[in-house]
Amino acid sequence: MLSGLEASDILSSVLTTATILIGIATFYLTYTKEKRKEREARERELEKGRRDQRIKVYSEYLQVATGSNAKALQRDLDTQMAILDDVVEGKVPADGDPGRRAIAAQLAQIEQERDYSSAHANIVTYGSKEVIARLSALYDCVERAKGNPFEPSVNRALLDLIAAMRRDSFAQDYDEFIEHADNILGAGAQARAVAIAEAQRAAAEKLQAKEND
């Protein structure tokens, strides 16, 4: 039978061991909790980075696809202004310099093809499954329409792609979105482009008539 002193020593040893074990367990739990928080924070940051990159990629594609690329527009504007200056000064006829316009059109085509290649690569890399599928469907429609951008099925496929990009960007959805997008980037944009082209043609014809007088 153990004496009182021996029993006290054993109890003290047990309590000491238990305290050490509890301390180790508490440290381990705290450590793993902090590591989990750090991991979750890194995952949230990575997800935010992927989402921001995806939004950027979608925006760049739409700029190219809808003809609103700022650099291309600026180059076209500079070319038109240079031709207009020459017309005013009497250096070229009112319909402009065909050679210069042909070169400008060729440069625009090269730059557009380069921008499309970059945009396509980025979407295939960063885009969601739905967006990639919608983009493929859009080009199927373009092929069936023989490249006619005014074909209703092409316009609808573009709007479906834009809607998919919007959903993928966690933007708020609403019932009139397709209608508004059509006016901003679809049929409305096409109609405005035609109106601008017709206004430019009318202005050139007016200058030509004035020159002939």
Protein backbone atom coordinates (compact mmCIF):
# COMPACT_ATOMS: atom_id res chain seq x y z
CA MET A 1 0.00 0.00 0.00
CA LEU A 2 1.26 3.41 -0.95
CA SER A 3 2.01 5.90 1.71
CA GLY A 4 0.45 9.32 1.66
CA LEU A 5 3.66 10.92 0.42
CA GLU A 6 4.03 8.46 -2.43
CA ALA A 7 0.42 8.93 -3.48
CA SER A 8 0.90 12.67 -3.40
CA ASP A 9 4.00 12.41 -5.61
CA ILE A 10 2.19 10.22 -8.12
CA LEU A 11 -0.77 12.59 -8.24
CA SER A 12 1.57 15.53 -8.71
CA SER A 13 3.33 13.74 -11.57
CA VAL A 14 0.02 12.92 -13.24
CA LEU A 15 -1.16 16.51 -12.93
CA THR A 16 2.13 17.81 -14.29
CA THR A 17 1.98 15.45 -17.26
CA ALA A 18 -1.65 16.34 -17.90
CA THR A 19 -0.81 20.05 -17.78
CA ILE A 20 2.01 19.55 -20.28
CA LEU A 21 -0.22 17.51 -22.59
CA ILE A 22 -2.99 20.09 -22.37
CA GLY A 23 -0.47 22.83 -23.18
CA ILE A 24 0.83 20.92 -26.18
CA ALA A 25 -2.70 20.24 -27.41
CA THR A 26 -3.69 23.89 -26.96
CA PHE A 27 -0.60 25.05 -28.86
CA TYR A 28 -1.27 22.55 -31.64
CA LEU A 29 -4.92 23.57 -31.97
CA THR A 30 -4.04 27.27 -31.97
CA TYR A 31 -1.27 26.70 -34.50
CA THR A 32 -3.46 24.68 -36.86
CA LYS A 33 -6.30 27.20 -36.52
CA GLU A 34 -3.99 30.08 -37.45
CA LYS A 35 -2.55 28.10 -40.36
CA ARG A 36 -6.06 27.32 -41.57
CA LYS A 37 -6.96 31.00 -41.40
CA GLU A 38 -3.82 31.89 -43.35
CA ARG A 39 -4.59 29.23 -45.97
CA GLU A 40 -8.17 30.40 -46.33
CA ALA A 41 -7.00 34.01 -46.65
CA ARG A 42 -4.52 33.01 -49.39
CA GLU A 43 -7.24 31.05 -51.20
CA ARG A 44 -9.61 34.04 -51.03
CA GLU A 45 -6.87 36.30 -52.35
CA LEU A 46 -6.08 33.87 -55.18
CA GLU A 47 -9.77 33.57 -56.03
CA LYS A 48 -10.13 37.35 -56.07
CA GLY A 49 -7.08 37.59 -58.34
CA ARG A 50 -8.54 34.99 -60.71
CA ARG A 51 -11.89 36.78 -60.72
CA ASP A 52 -10.29 40.17 -61.39
CA GLN A 53 -8.17 38.67 -64.18
CA ARG A 54 -11.24 37.03 -65.67
CA ILE A 55 -13.17 40.30 -65.66
CA LYS A 56 -10.22 42.06 -67.31
CA VAL A 57 -9.99 39.36 -69.99
CA TYR A 58 -13.72 39.55 -70.74
CA SER A 59 -13.61 43.33 -70.97
CA GLU A 60 -10.64 43.25 -73.35
CA TYR A 61 -12.39 40.74 -75.60
CA LEU A 62 -15.55 42.84 -75.78
CA GLN A 63 -13.51 45.92 -76.63
CA VAL A 64 -12.03 44.07 -79.60
CA ALA A 65 -15.23 42.29 -80.64
CA THR A 66 -17.43 45.38 -80.59
CA GLY A 67 -14.90 47.62 -82.33
CA SER A 68 -14.42 49.87 -79.30
CA ASN A 69 -10.70 49.27 -78.98
CA ALA A 70 -9.37 52.70 -78.05
CA LYS A 71 -6.10 52.40 -79.96
CA ALA A 72 -7.81 51.32 -83.17
CA LEU A 73 -10.36 54.12 -82.89
CA GLN A 74 -7.63 56.68 -82.27
CA ARG A 75 -5.65 55.48 -85.29
CA ASP A 76 -8.74 55.61 -87.51
CA LEU A 77 -9.55 59.09 -86.25
CA ASP A 78 -5.99 60.32 -86.91
CA THR A 79 -6.13 58.92 -90.46
CA GLN A 80 -9.51 60.52 -91.18
CA MET A 81 -8.35 63.87 -89.82
CA ALA A 82 -5.17 63.75 -91.92
CA ILE A 83 -7.21 63.03 -95.06
CA LEU A 84 -9.65 65.82 -94.19
CA ASP A 85 -6.76 68.28 -93.78
CA ASP A 86 -5.46 67.33 -97.22
CA VAL A 87 -8.94 67.73 -98.70
CA VAL A 88 -9.32 71.20 -97.18
CA GLU A 89 -5.90 72.20 -98.49
CA GLY A 90 -6.77 70.87 -101.93
CA LYS A 91 -4.06 68.20 -101.95
CA VAL A 92 -6.44 65.30 -102.60
CA PRO A 93 -10.04 65.00 -103.86
CA ALA A 94 -12.88 65.10 -101.36
CA ASP A 95 -13.25 61.33 -101.24
CA GLY A 96 -9.78 61.12 -99.71
CA ASP A 97 -6.57 59.41 -100.71
CA PRO A 98 -7.44 55.83 -101.75
CA GLY A 99 -3.86 54.67 -101.17
CA ARG A 100 -3.74 56.06 -97.66
CA ARG A 101 -7.15 54.64 -96.83
CA ALA A 102 -6.11 51.22 -98.14
CA ILE A 103 -2.98 51.25 -95.97
CA ALA A 104 -4.97 52.39 -92.94
CA ALA A 105 -7.50 49.60 -93.53
CA GLN A 106 -4.71 47.03 -93.83
CA LEU A 107 -3.06 48.23 -90.62
CA ALA A 108 -6.43 48.12 -88.87
CA GLN A 109 -6.95 44.53 -90.03
CA ILE A 110 -3.51 43.44 -88.82
CA GLU A 111 -3.98 45.08 -85.44
CA GLN A 112 -7.47 43.63 -85.06
CA GLU A 113 -6.24 40.11 -85.84
CA ARG A 114 -3.46 40.51 -83.29
CA ASP A 115 -5.89 41.79 -80.66
CA TYR A 116 -8.32 38.94 -81.39
CA SER A 117 -5.54 36.34 -81.04
CA SER A 118 -4.54 37.76 -77.67
CA ALA A 119 -8.15 37.99 -76.47
CA HIS A 120 -8.92 34.41 -77.55
CA ALA A 121 -5.83 33.05 -75.80
CA ASN A 122 -6.75 34.83 -72.59
CA ILE A 123 -10.34 33.60 -72.63
CA VAL A 124 -9.27 30.00 -73.23
CA THR A 125 -6.82 30.37 -70.32
CA TYR A 126 -8.93 32.25 -67.79
CA GLY A 127 -12.54 31.93 -68.98
CA SER A 128 -15.18 29.72 -67.41
CA LYS A 129 -16.60 26.67 -69.15
CA GLU A 130 -19.84 28.50 -69.98
CA VAL A 131 -18.09 31.52 -71.48
CA ILE A 132 -15.76 29.40 -73.61
CA ALA A 133 -18.76 27.39 -74.86
CA ARG A 134 -20.70 30.60 -75.65
CA LEU A 135 -17.70 32.02 -77.54
CA SER A 136 -17.44 28.84 -79.60
CA ALA A 137 -21.19 29.01 -80.32
CA LEU A 138 -20.81 32.62 -81.44
CA TYR A 139 -18.19 31.67 -84.02
CA ASP A 140 -20.37 28.81 -85.22
CA CYS A 141 -23.09 31.41 -85.89
CA VAL A 142 -20.59 33.71 -87.63
CA GLU A 143 -19.52 30.85 -89.87
CA ARG A 144 -23.10 29.94 -90.77
CA ALA A 145 -23.83 33.62 -91.48
CA LYS A 146 -20.74 33.76 -93.75
CA GLY A 147 -19.24 36.53 -91.63
CA ASN A 148 -22.27 38.85 -91.81
CA PRO A 149 -22.25 40.76 -88.48
CA PHE A 150 -25.82 42.00 -89.07
CA GLU A 151 -27.28 38.48 -89.03
CA PRO A 152 -29.74 38.31 -86.08
CA SER A 153 -28.41 34.93 -84.93
CA VAL A 154 -24.88 36.38 -84.68
CA ASN A 155 -26.12 39.34 -82.66
CA ARG A 156 -28.08 37.03 -80.34
CA ALA A 157 -25.07 34.75 -79.83
CA LEU A 158 -22.96 37.79 -78.94
CA LEU A 159 -25.55 38.92 -76.40
CA ASP A 160 -25.66 35.42 -74.88
CA LEU A 161 -21.86 35.53 -74.56
CA ILE A 162 -21.99 38.94 -72.87
CA ALA A 163 -24.66 37.68 -70.44
CA ALA A 164 -22.49 34.66 -69.58
CA MET A 165 -19.51 36.94 -68.97
CA ARG A 166 -21.62 39.14 -66.73
CA ARG A 167 -22.82 36.18 -64.66
CA ASP A 168 -19.26 34.93 -64.39
CA SER A 169 -18.17 38.36 -63.13
CA PHE A 170 -20.69 38.23 -60.25
CA ALA A 171 -22.46 41.33 -61.60
CA GLN A 172 -26.06 41.91 -60.63
CA ASP A 173 -28.45 40.48 -63.20
CA TYR A 174 -31.78 42.02 -64.22
CA ASP A 175 -34.57 41.30 -66.68
CA GLU A 176 -33.82 44.08 -69.16
CA PHE A 177 -30.10 43.34 -69.44
CA ILE A 178 -30.24 41.71 -72.90
CA GLU A 179 -32.28 44.61 -74.26
CA HIS A 180 -29.86 47.18 -72.86
CA ALA A 181 -26.77 45.26 -73.98
CA ASP A 182 -28.25 44.97 -77.46
CA ASN A 183 -28.65 48.74 -77.64
CA ILE A 184 -25.15 49.41 -76.25
CA LEU A 185 -23.07 46.70 -77.93
CA GLY A 186 -25.33 44.83 -80.35
CA ALA A 187 -27.83 46.00 -82.96
CA GLY A 188 -27.85 49.53 -81.55
CA ALA A 189 -24.09 49.85 -81.95
CA GLN A 190 -24.29 48.49 -85.51
CA ALA A 191 -27.00 51.01 -86.41
CA ARG A 192 -24.94 53.87 -84.99
CA ALA A 193 -21.85 52.71 -86.92
CA VAL A 194 -23.86 52.66 -90.16
CA ALA A 195 -25.24 56.14 -89.41
CA ILE A 196 -21.73 57.50 -88.80
CA ALA A 197 -20.44 55.94 -92.04
CA GLU A 198 -23.35 57.43 -93.98
CA ALA A 199 -22.75 60.85 -92.40
CA GLN A 200 -19.06 60.68 -93.35
CA ARG A 201 -19.95 59.68 -96.90
CA ALA A 202 -22.45 62.53 -97.16
CA ALA A 203 -19.85 65.00 -95.88
CA ALA A 204 -17.31 63.76 -98.45
CA GLU A 205 -19.86 64.07 -101.25
CA LYS A 206 -20.69 67.59 -100.10
CA LEU A 207 -17.02 68.55 -100.18
CA GLN A 208 -16.66 66.97 -103.62
CA ALA A 209 -19.63 68.92 -104.92
CA LYS A 210 -18.22 72.14 -103.50
CA GLU A 211 -14.85 71.39 -105.14
CA ASN A 212 -16.53 70.78 -108.51
CA ASP A 213 -18.37 74.11 -108.28
